[in-house]
């Protein structure tokens, strides 16, 4: 019921674009062939993070960029991290796949996020979220044979994926969906 309500709110706020792009896990989704908790990814400073450490919390994964019209969403992501940090983990994945809007090095990205938005949530090593070199995590997020139901890859910067407390992909949110929007906060 909540998922349908969120879907209709998105339609009212974002129109037909949200209808075409906002995706929530269907009730008859297949079981994933791979676990979200199998992934280990490096942060901007080279530390490996084992996703098994996120068991019991929802996780919001966002492909980010420093020179995008959606870059101010860092502020909303940080607020989401601060407000819901007891039950939600926010993870940022810098990518230069769209319009070359993330040209910086890992250290430049980290400095930018801290200086301009006071980011304290985890930002990972710059990766590819689409294309031939797509990172295995984003392959999982955008391949229904791996995650159980979703085939939507990011179409631009600041696309969001929500994973539940058991590591099941719950939803895909296009760039226009704001981090603090009801589509996301309504399922927390």
C-alpha atoms as a PDB file:
ATOM      1  CA  UNK A   1       0.000   0.000   0.000  1.00  0.00           C
ATOM      2  CA  UNK A   2       2.797   2.429   0.898  1.00  0.00           C
ATOM      3  CA  UNK A   3       4.616   1.649  -2.358  1.00  0.00           C
ATOM      4  CA  UNK A   4       1.524   2.538  -4.383  1.00  0.00           C
ATOM      5  CA  UNK A   5       1.068   5.759  -2.405  1.00  0.00           C
ATOM      6  CA  UNK A   6       4.688   6.743  -3.046  1.00  0.00           C
ATOM      7  CA  UNK A   7       4.268   5.944  -6.729  1.00  0.00           C
ATOM      8  CA  UNK A   8       1.212   8.212  -6.981  1.00  0.00           C
ATOM      9  CA  UNK A   9       2.931  11.010  -5.092  1.00  0.00           C
ATOM     10  CA  UNK A  10       5.824  10.771  -7.562  1.00  0.00           C
ATOM     11  CA  UNK A  11       3.357  11.049 -10.422  1.00  0.00           C
ATOM     12  CA  UNK A  12       1.864  14.208  -8.945  1.00  0.00           C
ATOM     13  CA  UNK A  13       5.229  15.817  -8.210  1.00  0.00           C
ATOM     14  CA  UNK A  14       7.279  14.683 -11.206  1.00  0.00           C
ATOM     15  CA  UNK A  15       4.662  13.826 -13.819  1.00  0.00           C
ATOM     16  CA  UNK A  16       5.037  11.116 -16.430  1.00  0.00           C
ATOM     17  CA  UNK A  17       8.851  11.083 -16.166  1.00  0.00           C
ATOM     18  CA  UNK A  18       8.524   9.551 -12.704  1.00  0.00           C
ATOM     19  CA  UNK A  19       5.941   7.069 -13.999  1.00  0.00           C
ATOM     20  CA  UNK A  20       8.389   5.887 -16.639  1.00  0.00           C
ATOM     21  CA  UNK A  21      11.445   5.754 -14.372  1.00  0.00           C
ATOM     22  CA  UNK A  22      10.479   5.207 -10.720  1.00  0.00           C
ATOM     23  CA  UNK A  23      10.542   1.473 -10.081  1.00  0.00           C
ATOM     24  CA  UNK A  24       9.658  -0.427  -6.946  1.00  0.00           C
ATOM     25  CA  UNK A  25      10.180  -4.130  -6.318  1.00  0.00           C
ATOM     26  CA  UNK A  26       7.115  -6.070  -7.516  1.00  0.00           C
ATOM     27  CA  UNK A  27       5.557  -8.534  -5.105  1.00  0.00           C
ATOM     28  CA  UNK A  28       6.283 -11.428  -7.474  1.00  0.00           C
ATOM     29  CA  UNK A  29       9.989 -10.610  -7.992  1.00  0.00           C
ATOM     30  CA  UNK A  30      12.378 -13.510  -8.412  1.00  0.00           C
ATOM     31  CA  UNK A  31      14.973 -14.308  -5.770  1.00  0.00           C
ATOM     32  CA  UNK A  32      18.315 -12.614  -6.475  1.00  0.00           C
ATOM     33  CA  UNK A  33      21.043 -14.880  -7.843  1.00  0.00           C
ATOM     34  CA  UNK A  34      23.715 -12.961  -5.935  1.00  0.00           C
ATOM     35  CA  UNK A  35      23.660 -11.317  -2.508  1.00  0.00           C
ATOM     36  CA  UNK A  36      24.147  -7.599  -1.974  1.00  0.00           C
ATOM     37  CA  UNK A  37      26.204  -8.581   1.059  1.00  0.00           C
ATOM     38  CA  UNK A  38      28.827 -10.329  -1.105  1.00  0.00           C
ATOM     39  CA  UNK A  39      30.274  -7.008  -2.304  1.00  0.00           C
ATOM     40  CA  UNK A  40      33.422  -5.344  -1.024  1.00  0.00           C
ATOM     41  CA  UNK A  41      34.220  -1.891  -2.417  1.00  0.00           C
ATOM     42  CA  UNK A  42      37.013   0.611  -1.718  1.00  0.00           C
ATOM     43  CA  UNK A  43      36.362   4.083  -0.333  1.00  0.00           C
ATOM     44  CA  UNK A  44      37.973   7.274  -1.657  1.00  0.00           C
ATOM     45  CA  UNK A  45      40.857   6.763   0.762  1.00  0.00           C
ATOM     46  CA  UNK A  46      41.386   3.122  -0.258  1.00  0.00           C
ATOM     47  CA  UNK A  47      39.746   1.325   2.676  1.00  0.00           C
ATOM     48  CA  UNK A  48      37.783  -1.788   1.717  1.00  0.00           C
ATOM     49  CA  UNK A  49      34.186  -1.856   2.958  1.00  0.00           C
ATOM     50  CA  UNK A  50      32.454  -5.216   3.297  1.00  0.00           C
ATOM     51  CA  UNK A  51      28.769  -4.753   2.507  1.00  0.00           C
ATOM     52  CA  UNK A  52      27.931  -7.526   4.984  1.00  0.00           C
ATOM     53  CA  UNK A  53      28.480  -4.807   7.608  1.00  0.00           C
ATOM     54  CA  UNK A  54      25.228  -3.181   6.426  1.00  0.00           C
ATOM     55  CA  UNK A  55      22.993  -6.111   7.444  1.00  0.00           C
ATOM     56  CA  UNK A  56      19.971  -4.913   9.391  1.00  0.00           C
ATOM     57  CA  UNK A  57      19.882  -1.429   7.812  1.00  0.00           C
ATOM     58  CA  UNK A  58      18.450  -0.007   4.634  1.00  0.00           C
ATOM     59  CA  UNK A  59      21.083   1.234   2.173  1.00  0.00           C
ATOM     60  CA  UNK A  60      20.697   4.057  -0.355  1.00  0.00           C
ATOM     61  CA  UNK A  61      23.275   3.909  -3.171  1.00  0.00           C
ATOM     62  CA  UNK A  62      23.752   7.007  -5.338  1.00  0.00           C
ATOM     63  CA  UNK A  63      25.975   7.603  -8.373  1.00  0.00           C
ATOM     64  CA  UNK A  64      27.363  11.094  -7.828  1.00  0.00           C
ATOM     65  CA  UNK A  65      29.193  13.812  -9.762  1.00  0.00           C
ATOM     66  CA  UNK A  66      30.724  17.126  -8.690  1.00  0.00           C
ATOM     67  CA  UNK A  67      29.864  19.208 -11.781  1.00  0.00           C
ATOM     68  CA  UNK A  68      26.227  18.262 -12.385  1.00  0.00           C
ATOM     69  CA  UNK A  69      23.002  20.208 -12.078  1.00  0.00           C
ATOM     70  CA  UNK A  70      21.975  17.616  -9.484  1.00  0.00           C
ATOM     71  CA  UNK A  71      25.174  18.061  -7.421  1.00  0.00           C
ATOM     72  CA  UNK A  72      23.297  20.103  -4.763  1.00  0.00           C
ATOM     73  CA  UNK A  73      21.598  16.801  -3.871  1.00  0.00           C
ATOM     74  CA  UNK A  74      24.724  16.125  -1.789  1.00  0.00           C
ATOM     75  CA  UNK A  75      23.125  18.449   0.770  1.00  0.00           C
ATOM     76  CA  UNK A  76      19.936  16.362   0.903  1.00  0.00           C
ATOM     77  CA  UNK A  77      21.928  13.124   1.027  1.00  0.00           C
ATOM     78  CA  UNK A  78      23.926  14.455   3.992  1.00  0.00           C
ATOM     79  CA  UNK A  79      20.711  15.502   5.747  1.00  0.00           C
ATOM     80  CA  UNK A  80      19.209  12.074   5.058  1.00  0.00           C
ATOM     81  CA  UNK A  81      22.358  10.495   6.543  1.00  0.00           C
ATOM     82  CA  UNK A  82      22.111  12.661   9.669  1.00  0.00           C
ATOM     83  CA  UNK A  83      18.359  12.305  10.168  1.00  0.00           C
ATOM     84  CA  UNK A  84      17.954   8.577   9.409  1.00  0.00           C
ATOM     85  CA  UNK A  85      21.477   7.275  10.120  1.00  0.00           C
ATOM     86  CA  UNK A  86      20.195   4.877  12.782  1.00  0.00           C
ATOM     87  CA  UNK A  87      18.281   2.898  10.150  1.00  0.00           C
ATOM     88  CA  UNK A  88      19.705   4.008   6.782  1.00  0.00           C
ATOM     89  CA  UNK A  89      23.211   3.965   5.307  1.00  0.00           C
ATOM     90  CA  UNK A  90      23.871   6.460   2.495  1.00  0.00           C
ATOM     91  CA  UNK A  91      26.634   5.490   0.051  1.00  0.00           C
ATOM     92  CA  UNK A  92      27.999   7.696  -2.723  1.00  0.00           C
ATOM     93  CA  UNK A  93      29.653   6.346  -5.874  1.00  0.00           C
ATOM     94  CA  UNK A  94      31.370   9.034  -7.960  1.00  0.00           C
ATOM     95  CA  UNK A  95      31.189   8.283 -11.673  1.00  0.00           C
ATOM     96  CA  UNK A  96      32.289  10.154 -14.781  1.00  0.00           C
ATOM     97  CA  UNK A  97      29.855   8.365 -17.104  1.00  0.00           C
ATOM     98  CA  UNK A  98      27.483  11.233 -17.857  1.00  0.00           C
ATOM     99  CA  UNK A  99      28.711  14.418 -19.492  1.00  0.00           C
ATOM    100  CA  UNK A 100      32.211  13.987 -17.961  1.00  0.00           C
ATOM    101  CA  UNK A 101      30.816  15.704 -14.856  1.00  0.00           C
ATOM    102  CA  UNK A 102      33.113  13.917 -12.384  1.00  0.00           C
ATOM    103  CA  UNK A 103      36.607  14.572 -13.780  1.00  0.00           C
ATOM    104  CA  UNK A 104      38.399  14.793 -10.429  1.00  0.00           C
ATOM    105  CA  UNK A 105      40.672  12.353  -8.656  1.00  0.00           C
ATOM    106  CA  UNK A 106      39.517  10.551  -5.518  1.00  0.00           C
ATOM    107  CA  UNK A 107      41.247  13.116  -3.291  1.00  0.00           C
ATOM    108  CA  UNK A 108      39.728  16.035  -5.262  1.00  0.00           C
ATOM    109  CA  UNK A 109      36.264  14.457  -4.992  1.00  0.00           C
ATOM    110  CA  UNK A 110      36.642  13.967  -1.243  1.00  0.00           C
ATOM    111  CA  UNK A 111      37.817  17.551  -0.720  1.00  0.00           C
ATOM    112  CA  UNK A 112      34.959  18.903  -2.857  1.00  0.00           C
ATOM    113  CA  UNK A 113      32.297  16.920  -0.947  1.00  0.00           C
ATOM    114  CA  UNK A 114      33.669  17.960   2.451  1.00  0.00           C
ATOM    115  CA  UNK A 115      34.262  21.637   1.614  1.00  0.00           C
ATOM    116  CA  UNK A 116      31.002  22.309  -0.238  1.00  0.00           C
ATOM    117  CA  UNK A 117      28.514  19.994   1.473  1.00  0.00           C
ATOM    118  CA  UNK A 118      30.115  18.769   4.711  1.00  0.00           C
ATOM    119  CA  UNK A 119      29.654  15.170   3.569  1.00  0.00           C
ATOM    120  CA  UNK A 120      30.253  12.589   6.307  1.00  0.00           C
ATOM    121  CA  UNK A 121      28.543   9.609   4.672  1.00  0.00           C
ATOM    122  CA  UNK A 122      30.801   7.140   2.879  1.00  0.00           C
ATOM    123  CA  UNK A 123      31.986   8.055  -0.602  1.00  0.00           C
ATOM    124  CA  UNK A 124      33.611   5.286  -2.604  1.00  0.00           C
ATOM    125  CA  UNK A 125      36.327   5.055  -5.225  1.00  0.00           C
ATOM    126  CA  UNK A 126      35.304   6.564  -8.575  1.00  0.00           C
ATOM    127  CA  UNK A 127      33.770   3.795 -10.717  1.00  0.00           C
ATOM    128  CA  UNK A 128      31.826   3.249 -13.929  1.00  0.00           C
ATOM    129  CA  UNK A 129      28.099   2.774 -13.328  1.00  0.00           C
ATOM    130  CA  UNK A 130      27.294   1.960 -16.980  1.00  0.00           C
ATOM    131  CA  UNK A 131      29.052   0.673 -20.077  1.00  0.00           C
ATOM    132  CA  UNK A 132      31.697  -1.978 -20.769  1.00  0.00           C
ATOM    133  CA  UNK A 133      33.582  -1.248 -17.534  1.00  0.00           C
ATOM    134  CA  UNK A 134      30.470  -1.132 -15.334  1.00  0.00           C
ATOM    135  CA  UNK A 135      31.401  -1.965 -11.749  1.00  0.00           C
ATOM    136  CA  UNK A 136      30.103  -5.366 -10.529  1.00  0.00           C
ATOM    137  CA  UNK A 137      27.963  -3.632  -7.871  1.00  0.00           C
ATOM    138  CA  UNK A 138      26.146  -1.626 -10.545  1.00  0.00           C
ATOM    139  CA  UNK A 139      25.860  -4.748 -12.671  1.00  0.00           C
ATOM    140  CA  UNK A 140      24.000  -6.294  -9.732  1.00  0.00           C
ATOM    141  CA  UNK A 141      21.809  -3.209  -9.233  1.00  0.00           C
ATOM    142  CA  UNK A 142      20.807  -3.066 -12.915  1.00  0.00           C
ATOM    143  CA  UNK A 143      20.537  -6.730 -13.948  1.00  0.00           C
ATOM    144  CA  UNK A 144      17.334  -8.512 -12.977  1.00  0.00           C
ATOM    145  CA  UNK A 145      19.001 -11.919 -13.288  1.00  0.00           C
ATOM    146  CA  UNK A 146      21.298 -10.822 -10.443  1.00  0.00           C
ATOM    147  CA  UNK A 147      19.037  -8.677  -8.232  1.00  0.00           C
ATOM    148  CA  UNK A 148      15.739 -10.471  -8.887  1.00  0.00           C
ATOM    149  CA  UNK A 149      13.681  -7.826 -10.710  1.00  0.00           C
ATOM    150  CA  UNK A 150      15.309  -4.551 -11.809  1.00  0.00           C
ATOM    151  CA  UNK A 151      16.996  -3.869 -15.171  1.00  0.00           C
ATOM    152  CA  UNK A 152      17.191  -0.077 -14.822  1.00  0.00           C
ATOM    153  CA  UNK A 153      20.758   1.259 -14.994  1.00  0.00           C
ATOM    154  CA  UNK A 154      21.458   4.912 -14.184  1.00  0.00           C
ATOM    155  CA  UNK A 155      20.563   7.247 -17.041  1.00  0.00           C
ATOM    156  CA  UNK A 156      22.281  10.232 -15.426  1.00  0.00           C
ATOM    157  CA  UNK A 157      24.057  11.325 -12.251  1.00  0.00           C
ATOM    158  CA  UNK A 158      22.315  11.014  -8.868  1.00  0.00           C
ATOM    159  CA  UNK A 159      20.168   7.990  -9.634  1.00  0.00           C
ATOM    160  CA  UNK A 160      19.343   6.150  -6.421  1.00  0.00           C
ATOM    161  CA  UNK A 161      18.842   2.502  -5.454  1.00  0.00           C
ATOM    162  CA  UNK A 162      17.337   1.448  -2.121  1.00  0.00           C
ATOM    163  CA  UNK A 163      18.229  -1.907  -0.582  1.00  0.00           C
ATOM    164  CA  UNK A 164      16.324  -3.256   2.440  1.00  0.00           C
ATOM    165  CA  UNK A 165      17.597  -4.634   5.752  1.00  0.00           C
ATOM    166  CA  UNK A 166      17.945  -8.132   4.259  1.00  0.00           C
ATOM    167  CA  UNK A 167      19.933  -6.998   1.206  1.00  0.00           C
ATOM    168  CA  UNK A 168      16.980  -7.063  -1.203  1.00  0.00           C
ATOM    169  CA  UNK A 169      16.766  -4.311  -3.827  1.00  0.00           C
ATOM    170  CA  UNK A 170      13.570  -2.361  -3.085  1.00  0.00           C
ATOM    171  CA  UNK A 171      13.557   0.515  -5.538  1.00  0.00           C
ATOM    172  CA  UNK A 172      15.156   2.617  -8.242  1.00  0.00           C
ATOM    173  CA  UNK A 173      14.752   6.406  -8.150  1.00  0.00           C
ATOM    174  CA  UNK A 174      15.742   8.613 -11.097  1.00  0.00           C
ATOM    175  CA  UNK A 175      17.893  11.715 -10.666  1.00  0.00           C
ATOM    176  CA  UNK A 176      14.928  14.072 -10.283  1.00  0.00           C
ATOM    177  CA  UNK A 177      13.754  12.293  -7.119  1.00  0.00           C
ATOM    178  CA  UNK A 178      15.193  14.297  -4.228  1.00  0.00           C
ATOM    179  CA  UNK A 179      16.923  12.480  -1.362  1.00  0.00           C
ATOM    180  CA  UNK A 180      14.423  13.847   1.164  1.00  0.00           C
ATOM    181  CA  UNK A 181      11.436  13.335  -1.134  1.00  0.00           C
ATOM    182  CA  UNK A 182       8.460  11.279   0.035  1.00  0.00           C
ATOM    183  CA  UNK A 183       9.332   8.531  -2.442  1.00  0.00           C
ATOM    184  CA  UNK A 184      12.403   7.728  -0.334  1.00  0.00           C
ATOM    185  CA  UNK A 185      11.551   8.927   3.171  1.00  0.00           C
ATOM    186  CA  UNK A 186       8.140   7.256   2.929  1.00  0.00           C
ATOM    187  CA  UNK A 187       9.749   3.792   2.891  1.00  0.00           C
ATOM    188  CA  UNK A 188      12.190   4.455   5.730  1.00  0.00           C
END
